[in-house]
Amino acid sequence: MDPLSATGSVVAIIQLATKIVSVCTDYVRDVQDAPKDLRNIIIEVGSVNCILEVIELLNSQATSFGDSAILRQLKALDGPLKECEQTLFHLDSLFPAVVEHSTGGKRRRILHPLTRLAWPLKAPRARELLSKIGWLKATISLSLTTETA
């Protein structure tokens, strides 16, 4: 596998994870009594993001990690990184687009007001995806531990 393509793919997953954390953080910050599920998403997706950043760092350094069998297995079409990307994509699809709103010269990102009403319908699917993300995080982390030990 080309190390540059591996890095590009990891960067894309990091960007997706960052977007999810940002949307949830904005929601929790702006909505009093925000659902606990959103805080759990922030924690779980944020920790996956940290692990992905470690992969990106190891892959970008002049080490044998970029050519390692572990990275090839993680990056395989049916590997945990691809599955993580797909799961994060499905989780992201549960959130509506963020709207930029300007008042008094200040720009602020806001969620659509109906989001709060729709969340109870989406929460079970989010919990299911979050459970899968936790499993993938553990798999990727264990693989990294094996590679770097």
Foldseek 3Di string as FASTA:
>chain_A
DDLVVLLVLLVVLLVLLVVLLVVLVLCPVPDPPPDPLSVLSNVLSVLLSVLSVVLNVVSPDPDCSSVDPLSCQCPPCPHLSVVLSVLSVVLVVLADDWDWDDDPNDIDTDGDPCSRVCCVVCVVVSVVSSVVSNVSSVVSVVSVVVVVD
